[in-house]
Amino acid sequence: MNLTLNQQQVRVPWRTVFAYGAPTVGAGYMYLLVGLYVMKFSTDVLLIAPAVMGVIFSISRVWDAISDPLVGYLSDRTV
């Protein structure tokens, strides 16, 4: 099946963009709280050095930067 797109660009209203993005504020805040708790727990209870926890968090961010586009590419190419 061959689909052709109309050459005319469709602009999405800013209210629609805001409505799609607004729920991520709450989710981002919850992830922030969990990350802060993990950092505090790891340094105070598990006695892991803050620098080591910083490296662990940095490695996870680098891994996300590599794996997220790859998974997105694969999911876009699947039937």
N, C-alpha and C. Protein backbone atom coordinates (compact mmCIF):
# COMPACT_ATOMS: atom_id res chain seq x y z
N MET A 1 0.85 -1.16 0.00
CA MET A 1 0.00 0.00 0.00
C MET A 1 0.89 1.23 0.00
N ASN A 2 0.66 2.12 -0.92
CA ASN A 2 1.48 3.31 -1.06
C ASN A 2 0.65 4.53 -0.64
N LEU A 3 1.11 5.21 0.40
CA LEU A 3 0.41 6.39 0.90
C LEU A 3 1.14 7.64 0.45
N THR A 4 0.40 8.63 0.01
CA THR A 4 1.00 9.91 -0.34
C THR A 4 0.45 10.97 0.60
N LEU A 5 1.31 11.86 1.02
CA LEU A 5 0.91 12.93 1.92
C LEU A 5 0.63 14.20 1.12
N ASN A 6 -0.31 14.94 1.58
CA ASN A 6 -0.62 16.23 0.98
C ASN A 6 0.55 17.17 1.26
N GLN A 7 0.93 17.98 0.29
CA GLN A 7 2.06 18.89 0.44
C GLN A 7 1.73 20.06 1.37
N GLN A 8 0.47 20.25 1.68
CA GLN A 8 0.06 21.36 2.53
C GLN A 8 0.39 21.04 3.99
N GLN A 9 1.04 21.99 4.67
CA GLN A 9 1.38 21.78 6.07
C GLN A 9 0.19 22.12 6.95
N VAL A 10 -0.01 21.29 7.95
CA VAL A 10 -1.09 21.52 8.90
C VAL A 10 -0.47 21.99 10.20
N ARG A 11 -0.91 23.15 10.69
CA ARG A 11 -0.39 23.69 11.95
C ARG A 11 -1.27 23.23 13.09
N VAL A 12 -0.62 22.73 14.12
CA VAL A 12 -1.35 22.30 15.31
C VAL A 12 -1.46 23.49 16.24
N PRO A 13 -2.65 23.79 16.74
CA PRO A 13 -2.81 24.93 17.65
C PRO A 13 -2.00 24.73 18.93
N TRP A 14 -1.52 25.83 19.51
CA TRP A 14 -0.69 25.73 20.71
C TRP A 14 -1.46 25.13 21.87
N ARG A 15 -2.76 25.32 21.91
CA ARG A 15 -3.56 24.72 22.99
C ARG A 15 -3.52 23.20 22.92
N THR A 16 -3.53 22.67 21.72
CA THR A 16 -3.46 21.22 21.56
C THR A 16 -2.09 20.71 21.99
N VAL A 17 -1.04 21.40 21.59
CA VAL A 17 0.31 21.01 22.00
C VAL A 17 0.44 21.07 23.52
N PHE A 18 -0.09 22.12 24.12
CA PHE A 18 -0.06 22.26 25.57
C PHE A 18 -0.84 21.14 26.25
N ALA A 19 -2.00 20.79 25.69
CA ALA A 19 -2.83 19.74 26.27
C ALA A 19 -2.13 18.39 26.23
N TYR A 20 -1.37 18.12 25.18
CA TYR A 20 -0.63 16.87 25.11
C TYR A 20 0.58 16.87 26.04
N GLY A 21 1.19 18.02 26.24
CA GLY A 21 2.40 18.09 27.05
C GLY A 21 2.17 18.29 28.53
N ALA A 22 1.01 18.81 28.91
CA ALA A 22 0.74 19.14 30.31
C ALA A 22 0.84 17.95 31.26
N PRO A 23 0.36 16.77 30.91
CA PRO A 23 0.46 15.65 31.86
C PRO A 23 1.90 15.23 32.17
N THR A 24 2.83 15.55 31.31
CA THR A 24 4.21 15.16 31.57
C THR A 24 4.83 15.94 32.72
N VAL A 25 4.23 17.08 33.07
CA VAL A 25 4.74 17.85 34.21
C VAL A 25 4.59 17.04 35.49
N GLY A 26 3.43 16.47 35.70
CA GLY A 26 3.20 15.65 36.89
C GLY A 26 4.07 14.41 36.91
N ALA A 27 4.18 13.75 35.77
CA ALA A 27 5.01 12.55 35.70
C ALA A 27 6.48 12.90 35.93
N GLY A 28 6.93 13.99 35.36
CA GLY A 28 8.31 14.42 35.57
C GLY A 28 8.60 14.76 37.01
N TYR A 29 7.62 15.37 37.67
CA TYR A 29 7.78 15.70 39.09
C TYR A 29 7.88 14.44 39.93
N MET A 30 7.08 13.44 39.62
CA MET A 30 7.14 12.18 40.37
C MET A 30 8.49 11.48 40.14
N TYR A 31 8.99 11.48 38.91
CA TYR A 31 10.30 10.89 38.64
C TYR A 31 11.40 11.64 39.39
N LEU A 32 11.26 12.95 39.49
CA LEU A 32 12.23 13.74 40.23
C LEU A 32 12.23 13.35 41.70
N LEU A 33 11.05 13.21 42.29
CA LEU A 33 10.96 12.83 43.69
C LEU A 33 11.56 11.44 43.94
N VAL A 34 11.28 10.50 43.05
CA VAL A 34 11.84 9.16 43.20
C VAL A 34 13.35 9.20 43.07
N GLY A 35 13.86 9.95 42.10
CA GLY A 35 15.31 10.06 41.92
C GLY A 35 15.99 10.69 43.12
N LEU A 36 15.37 11.72 43.68
CA LEU A 36 15.94 12.35 44.88
C LEU A 36 15.93 11.39 46.06
N TYR A 37 14.85 10.62 46.20
CA TYR A 37 14.78 9.66 47.29
C TYR A 37 15.84 8.58 47.13
N VAL A 38 16.01 8.09 45.92
CA VAL A 38 17.03 7.06 45.67
C VAL A 38 18.41 7.61 46.00
N MET A 39 18.68 8.84 45.60
CA MET A 39 19.98 9.45 45.90
C MET A 39 20.19 9.59 47.40
N LYS A 40 19.20 10.10 48.10
CA LYS A 40 19.29 10.29 49.56
C LYS A 40 19.44 8.94 50.27
N PHE A 41 18.65 7.96 49.89
CA PHE A 41 18.72 6.63 50.50
C PHE A 41 20.08 5.98 50.25
N SER A 42 20.56 6.10 49.02
CA SER A 42 21.84 5.46 48.67
C SER A 42 23.01 6.08 49.41
N THR A 43 22.98 7.40 49.59
CA THR A 43 24.11 8.04 50.26
C THR A 43 24.02 7.94 51.78
N ASP A 44 22.82 8.00 52.34
CA ASP A 44 22.68 7.99 53.80
C ASP A 44 22.57 6.60 54.40
N VAL A 45 21.83 5.71 53.77
CA VAL A 45 21.59 4.38 54.34
C VAL A 45 22.59 3.37 53.80
N LEU A 46 22.77 3.34 52.49
CA LEU A 46 23.69 2.38 51.89
C LEU A 46 25.14 2.84 51.94
N LEU A 47 25.35 4.10 52.31
CA LEU A 47 26.69 4.69 52.45
C LEU A 47 27.51 4.63 51.16
N ILE A 48 26.83 4.87 50.04
CA ILE A 48 27.52 4.97 48.76
C ILE A 48 27.92 6.43 48.59
N ALA A 49 29.13 6.66 48.12
CA ALA A 49 29.63 8.03 47.96
C ALA A 49 28.76 8.79 46.96
N PRO A 50 28.50 10.07 47.22
CA PRO A 50 27.69 10.87 46.28
C PRO A 50 28.29 10.92 44.87
N ALA A 51 29.61 10.92 44.78
CA ALA A 51 30.24 10.94 43.45
C ALA A 51 29.92 9.66 42.68
N VAL A 52 29.92 8.54 43.38
CA VAL A 52 29.60 7.26 42.74
C VAL A 52 28.14 7.26 42.28
N MET A 53 27.26 7.79 43.11
CA MET A 53 25.85 7.87 42.71
C MET A 53 25.69 8.80 41.51
N GLY A 54 26.47 9.88 41.46
CA GLY A 54 26.43 10.76 40.30
C GLY A 54 26.86 10.04 39.04
N VAL A 55 27.88 9.21 39.15
CA VAL A 55 28.34 8.43 37.99
C VAL A 55 27.26 7.43 37.57
N ILE A 56 26.62 6.79 38.54
CA ILE A 56 25.56 5.82 38.22
C ILE A 56 24.40 6.52 37.51
N PHE A 57 23.98 7.67 38.02
CA PHE A 57 22.89 8.42 37.39
C PHE A 57 23.31 8.89 35.99
N SER A 58 24.57 9.30 35.83
CA SER A 58 25.05 9.76 34.52
C SER A 58 25.07 8.63 33.51
N ILE A 59 25.51 7.46 33.94
CA ILE A 59 25.53 6.30 33.05
C ILE A 59 24.11 5.96 32.60
N SER A 60 23.16 6.05 33.52
CA SER A 60 21.78 5.75 33.13
C SER A 60 21.25 6.76 32.12
N ARG A 61 21.65 8.02 32.24
CA ARG A 61 21.21 9.04 31.27
C ARG A 61 21.85 8.82 29.90
N VAL A 62 23.12 8.44 29.89
CA VAL A 62 23.79 8.15 28.62
C VAL A 62 23.14 6.94 27.97
N TRP A 63 22.84 5.92 28.77
CA TRP A 63 22.18 4.73 28.22
C TRP A 63 20.81 5.11 27.64
N ASP A 64 20.06 5.97 28.32
CA ASP A 64 18.78 6.44 27.79
C ASP A 64 18.96 7.18 26.47
N ALA A 65 20.01 7.98 26.38
CA ALA A 65 20.26 8.74 25.15
C ALA A 65 20.57 7.83 23.97
N ILE A 66 21.12 6.66 24.25
CA ILE A 66 21.44 5.70 23.18
C ILE A 66 20.25 4.79 22.88
N SER A 67 19.64 4.25 23.93
CA SER A 67 18.61 3.23 23.72
C SER A 67 17.26 3.80 23.30
N ASP A 68 16.88 4.97 23.78
CA ASP A 68 15.56 5.51 23.46
C ASP A 68 15.37 5.76 21.96
N PRO A 69 16.31 6.41 21.27
CA PRO A 69 16.13 6.56 19.82
C PRO A 69 16.14 5.21 19.08
N LEU A 70 16.94 4.28 19.57
CA LEU A 70 16.98 2.96 18.94
C LEU A 70 15.64 2.25 19.07
N VAL A 71 15.06 2.26 20.26
CA VAL A 71 13.76 1.63 20.48
C VAL A 71 12.68 2.36 19.68
N GLY A 72 12.76 3.68 19.62
CA GLY A 72 11.81 4.44 18.81
C GLY A 72 11.90 4.09 17.34
N TYR A 73 13.12 3.95 16.84
CA TYR A 73 13.32 3.56 15.45
C TYR A 73 12.73 2.18 15.19
N LEU A 74 13.01 1.23 16.09
CA LEU A 74 12.49 -0.12 15.91
C LEU A 74 10.97 -0.17 16.01
N SER A 75 10.39 0.60 16.92
CA SER A 75 8.93 0.57 17.05
C SER A 75 8.24 1.24 15.86
N ASP A 76 8.89 2.21 15.25
CA ASP A 76 8.32 2.85 14.07
C ASP A 76 8.37 1.94 12.85
N ARG A 77 9.29 1.00 12.84
CA ARG A 77 9.47 0.12 11.68
C ARG A 77 8.74 -1.21 11.83
N THR A 78 8.03 -1.43 12.93
CA THR A 78 7.33 -2.69 13.14
C THR A 78 5.90 -2.59 12.66
N VAL A 79 5.38 -3.70 12.29
CA VAL A 79 4.01 -3.74 11.80
C VAL A 79 3.04 -3.91 12.92
